[in-house]
C-alpha atoms as a PDB file:
ATOM      1  CA  UNK A   1      56.646  26.315  -0.787  1.00  0.00           C
ATOM      2  CA  UNK A   2      54.137  23.007   1.596  1.00  0.00           C
ATOM      3  CA  UNK A   3      50.470  23.549   0.249  1.00  0.00           C
ATOM      4  CA  UNK A   4      46.920  21.032   0.437  1.00  0.00           C
ATOM      5  CA  UNK A   5      44.950  20.761  -2.431  1.00  0.00           C
ATOM      6  CA  UNK A   6      41.706  19.157  -2.469  1.00  0.00           C
ATOM      7  CA  UNK A   7      39.046  18.123  -4.510  1.00  0.00           C
ATOM      8  CA  UNK A   8      36.485  16.513  -5.483  1.00  0.00           C
ATOM      9  CA  UNK A   9      33.259  17.742  -4.414  1.00  0.00           C
ATOM     10  CA  UNK A  10      30.779  19.322  -5.901  1.00  0.00           C
ATOM     11  CA  UNK A  11      26.437  19.315  -6.176  1.00  0.00           C
ATOM     12  CA  UNK A  12      24.971  16.160  -5.604  1.00  0.00           C
ATOM     13  CA  UNK A  13      22.406  14.332  -4.688  1.00  0.00           C
ATOM     14  CA  UNK A  14      21.055  12.453  -1.463  1.00  0.00           C
ATOM     15  CA  UNK A  15      22.059   8.872  -1.665  1.00  0.00           C
ATOM     16  CA  UNK A  16      24.815   9.440  -3.773  1.00  0.00           C
ATOM     17  CA  UNK A  17      28.257   9.684  -4.352  1.00  0.00           C
ATOM     18  CA  UNK A  18      31.615  11.590  -4.260  1.00  0.00           C
ATOM     19  CA  UNK A  19      35.449  11.129  -3.897  1.00  0.00           C
ATOM     20  CA  UNK A  20      37.636  14.048  -2.256  1.00  0.00           C
ATOM     21  CA  UNK A  21      41.339  13.352  -2.395  1.00  0.00           C
ATOM     22  CA  UNK A  22      44.077  16.065  -1.191  1.00  0.00           C
ATOM     23  CA  UNK A  23      47.712  15.590  -1.925  1.00  0.00           C
ATOM     24  CA  UNK A  24      50.288  17.470  -0.477  1.00  0.00           C
ATOM     25  CA  UNK A  25      53.378  19.118  -2.582  1.00  0.00           C
ATOM     26  CA  UNK A  26      56.535  21.002  -1.209  1.00  0.00           C
ATOM     27  CA  UNK A  27      59.175  19.844   0.004  1.00  0.00           C
ATOM     28  CA  UNK A  28      58.198  17.555   3.264  1.00  0.00           C
ATOM     29  CA  UNK A  29      60.072  15.551   5.325  1.00  0.00           C
ATOM     30  CA  UNK A  30      57.584  13.492   6.271  1.00  0.00           C
ATOM     31  CA  UNK A  31      53.624  12.875   6.736  1.00  0.00           C
ATOM     32  CA  UNK A  32      52.011  11.675   9.724  1.00  0.00           C
ATOM     33  CA  UNK A  33      48.461  11.427  10.828  1.00  0.00           C
ATOM     34  CA  UNK A  34      46.034  13.432   7.402  1.00  0.00           C
ATOM     35  CA  UNK A  35      42.509  14.207   8.726  1.00  0.00           C
ATOM     36  CA  UNK A  36      38.997  15.260   6.083  1.00  0.00           C
ATOM     37  CA  UNK A  37      37.849  17.851   8.371  1.00  0.00           C
ATOM     38  CA  UNK A  38      33.801  19.758   7.950  1.00  0.00           C
ATOM     39  CA  UNK A  39      32.330  23.081   8.746  1.00  0.00           C
ATOM     40  CA  UNK A  40      28.852  23.870   7.745  1.00  0.00           C
ATOM     41  CA  UNK A  41      27.301  27.350   7.567  1.00  0.00           C
ATOM     42  CA  UNK A  42      26.697  28.909  11.207  1.00  0.00           C
ATOM     43  CA  UNK A  43      28.369  25.812  12.874  1.00  0.00           C
ATOM     44  CA  UNK A  44      31.948  25.289  14.072  1.00  0.00           C
ATOM     45  CA  UNK A  45      35.079  23.249  12.350  1.00  0.00           C
ATOM     46  CA  UNK A  46      33.962  19.472  13.364  1.00  0.00           C
ATOM     47  CA  UNK A  47      36.655  15.683  12.527  1.00  0.00           C
ATOM     48  CA  UNK A  48      35.146  13.582  10.008  1.00  0.00           C
ATOM     49  CA  UNK A  49      37.842  11.536   9.662  1.00  0.00           C
ATOM     50  CA  UNK A  50      41.733  10.923   9.822  1.00  0.00           C
ATOM     51  CA  UNK A  51      44.108   8.339   9.133  1.00  0.00           C
ATOM     52  CA  UNK A  52      47.538   7.464  10.937  1.00  0.00           C
ATOM     53  CA  UNK A  53      51.185   7.217   9.206  1.00  0.00           C
ATOM     54  CA  UNK A  54      49.868   3.636   9.603  1.00  0.00           C
ATOM     55  CA  UNK A  55      47.329   3.573   8.683  1.00  0.00           C
ATOM     56  CA  UNK A  56      45.145   2.986  11.077  1.00  0.00           C
ATOM     57  CA  UNK A  57      41.252   5.213  11.334  1.00  0.00           C
ATOM     58  CA  UNK A  58      38.561   6.201  13.626  1.00  0.00           C
ATOM     59  CA  UNK A  59      35.549   8.023  12.288  1.00  0.00           C
ATOM     60  CA  UNK A  60      32.743  10.462  13.456  1.00  0.00           C
ATOM     61  CA  UNK A  61      30.084   9.128  14.462  1.00  0.00           C
ATOM     62  CA  UNK A  62      27.972  11.186  12.784  1.00  0.00           C
ATOM     63  CA  UNK A  63      30.018   9.310   9.109  1.00  0.00           C
ATOM     64  CA  UNK A  64      30.161   5.769  10.487  1.00  0.00           C
ATOM     65  CA  UNK A  65      29.354   2.814   7.420  1.00  0.00           C
ATOM     66  CA  UNK A  66      29.109   5.809   4.858  1.00  0.00           C
ATOM     67  CA  UNK A  67      32.646   7.096   4.490  1.00  0.00           C
ATOM     68  CA  UNK A  68      35.694   6.536   3.851  1.00  0.00           C
ATOM     69  CA  UNK A  69      39.137   7.453   4.875  1.00  0.00           C
ATOM     70  CA  UNK A  70      42.752   5.814   2.249  1.00  0.00           C
ATOM     71  CA  UNK A  71      46.376   7.372   2.291  1.00  0.00           C
ATOM     72  CA  UNK A  72      48.594   7.250  -0.789  1.00  0.00           C
ATOM     73  CA  UNK A  73      52.124   7.363   0.419  1.00  0.00           C
ATOM     74  CA  UNK A  74      54.057   7.552  -2.359  1.00  0.00           C
ATOM     75  CA  UNK A  75      50.684  10.595  -3.840  1.00  0.00           C
ATOM     76  CA  UNK A  76      51.041  12.597  -0.249  1.00  0.00           C
ATOM     77  CA  UNK A  77      47.396  12.808  -1.128  1.00  0.00           C
ATOM     78  CA  UNK A  78      44.808  11.460   1.367  1.00  0.00           C
ATOM     79  CA  UNK A  79      41.128  10.313  -0.031  1.00  0.00           C
ATOM     80  CA  UNK A  80      37.579  10.761   1.321  1.00  0.00           C
ATOM     81  CA  UNK A  81      35.151   8.559   0.042  1.00  0.00           C
ATOM     82  CA  UNK A  82      31.890   9.647   0.721  1.00  0.00           C
ATOM     83  CA  UNK A  83      28.785   6.634   0.631  1.00  0.00           C
ATOM     84  CA  UNK A  84      24.478   7.842   0.330  1.00  0.00           C
ATOM     85  CA  UNK A  85      25.709  11.114   1.349  1.00  0.00           C
ATOM     86  CA  UNK A  86      22.644  13.235   3.339  1.00  0.00           C
ATOM     87  CA  UNK A  87      21.744  16.642   2.906  1.00  0.00           C
ATOM     88  CA  UNK A  88      22.940  17.267   6.367  1.00  0.00           C
ATOM     89  CA  UNK A  89      26.461  16.354   4.798  1.00  0.00           C
ATOM     90  CA  UNK A  90      26.488  20.109   3.151  1.00  0.00           C
ATOM     91  CA  UNK A  91      30.011  21.144   3.861  1.00  0.00           C
ATOM     92  CA  UNK A  92      32.385  22.906   3.722  1.00  0.00           C
ATOM     93  CA  UNK A  93      35.422  19.854   3.659  1.00  0.00           C
ATOM     94  CA  UNK A  94      38.896  20.916   4.617  1.00  0.00           C
ATOM     95  CA  UNK A  95      41.766  18.451   4.824  1.00  0.00           C
ATOM     96  CA  UNK A  96      44.301  18.433   7.852  1.00  0.00           C
ATOM     97  CA  UNK A  97      47.964  17.189   7.486  1.00  0.00           C
ATOM     98  CA  UNK A  98      50.495  16.549  10.070  1.00  0.00           C
ATOM     99  CA  UNK A  99      53.833  17.487   9.084  1.00  0.00           C
ATOM    100  CA  UNK A 100      57.789  17.626   8.464  1.00  0.00           C
ATOM    101  CA  UNK A 101      58.265  20.684   6.168  1.00  0.00           C
ATOM    102  CA  UNK A 102      61.318  23.043   5.149  1.00  0.00           C
ATOM    103  CA  UNK A 103      58.313  25.063   6.219  1.00  0.00           C
ATOM    104  CA  UNK A 104      58.185  23.795   9.665  1.00  0.00           C
ATOM    105  CA  UNK A 105      56.477  21.310  11.363  1.00  0.00           C
ATOM    106  CA  UNK A 106      52.652  20.535  12.627  1.00  0.00           C
ATOM    107  CA  UNK A 107      49.362  21.121  11.489  1.00  0.00           C
ATOM    108  CA  UNK A 108      49.099  22.855   7.063  1.00  0.00           C
ATOM    109  CA  UNK A 109      45.153  22.621   6.200  1.00  0.00           C
ATOM    110  CA  UNK A 110      44.063  22.783   2.692  1.00  0.00           C
ATOM    111  CA  UNK A 111      41.918  25.744   1.292  1.00  0.00           C
ATOM    112  CA  UNK A 112      38.581  23.857   0.865  1.00  0.00           C
ATOM    113  CA  UNK A 113      36.084  22.099  -1.269  1.00  0.00           C
ATOM    114  CA  UNK A 114      32.150  22.825  -0.400  1.00  0.00           C
ATOM    115  CA  UNK A 115      30.069  19.357  -1.234  1.00  0.00           C
ATOM    116  CA  UNK A 116      26.097  20.177  -1.827  1.00  0.00           C
ATOM    117  CA  UNK A 117      24.079  17.118  -0.734  1.00  0.00           C
ATOM    118  CA  UNK A 118      20.799  18.703  -2.276  1.00  0.00           C
ATOM    119  CA  UNK A 119      17.426  17.362  -4.484  1.00  0.00           C
END
């Protein structure tokens, strides 16, 4: 079974930091782009940051300069370092990985991890 498992969410005060991790496991042949999305209550899911297999990165304008995406190909893991967090960053964060695996090729999603920024 192929799965993505996120961790690192929680409650943090405004201005604080969190680091999210997402590890892919199972019978995986290759991993292409990895990315983080978020969905706040009543809003559509939006792209936060993405990183290609070669390391190229792109970010949503709302998080540029505050969030950093990275990946460890040896561990099939993608990270999201979030600094200077704001209440508007509150959302469920999902990782997505474009993979080729025994279960097929395409987009795989994690189950989500809650991030709450509040004093």
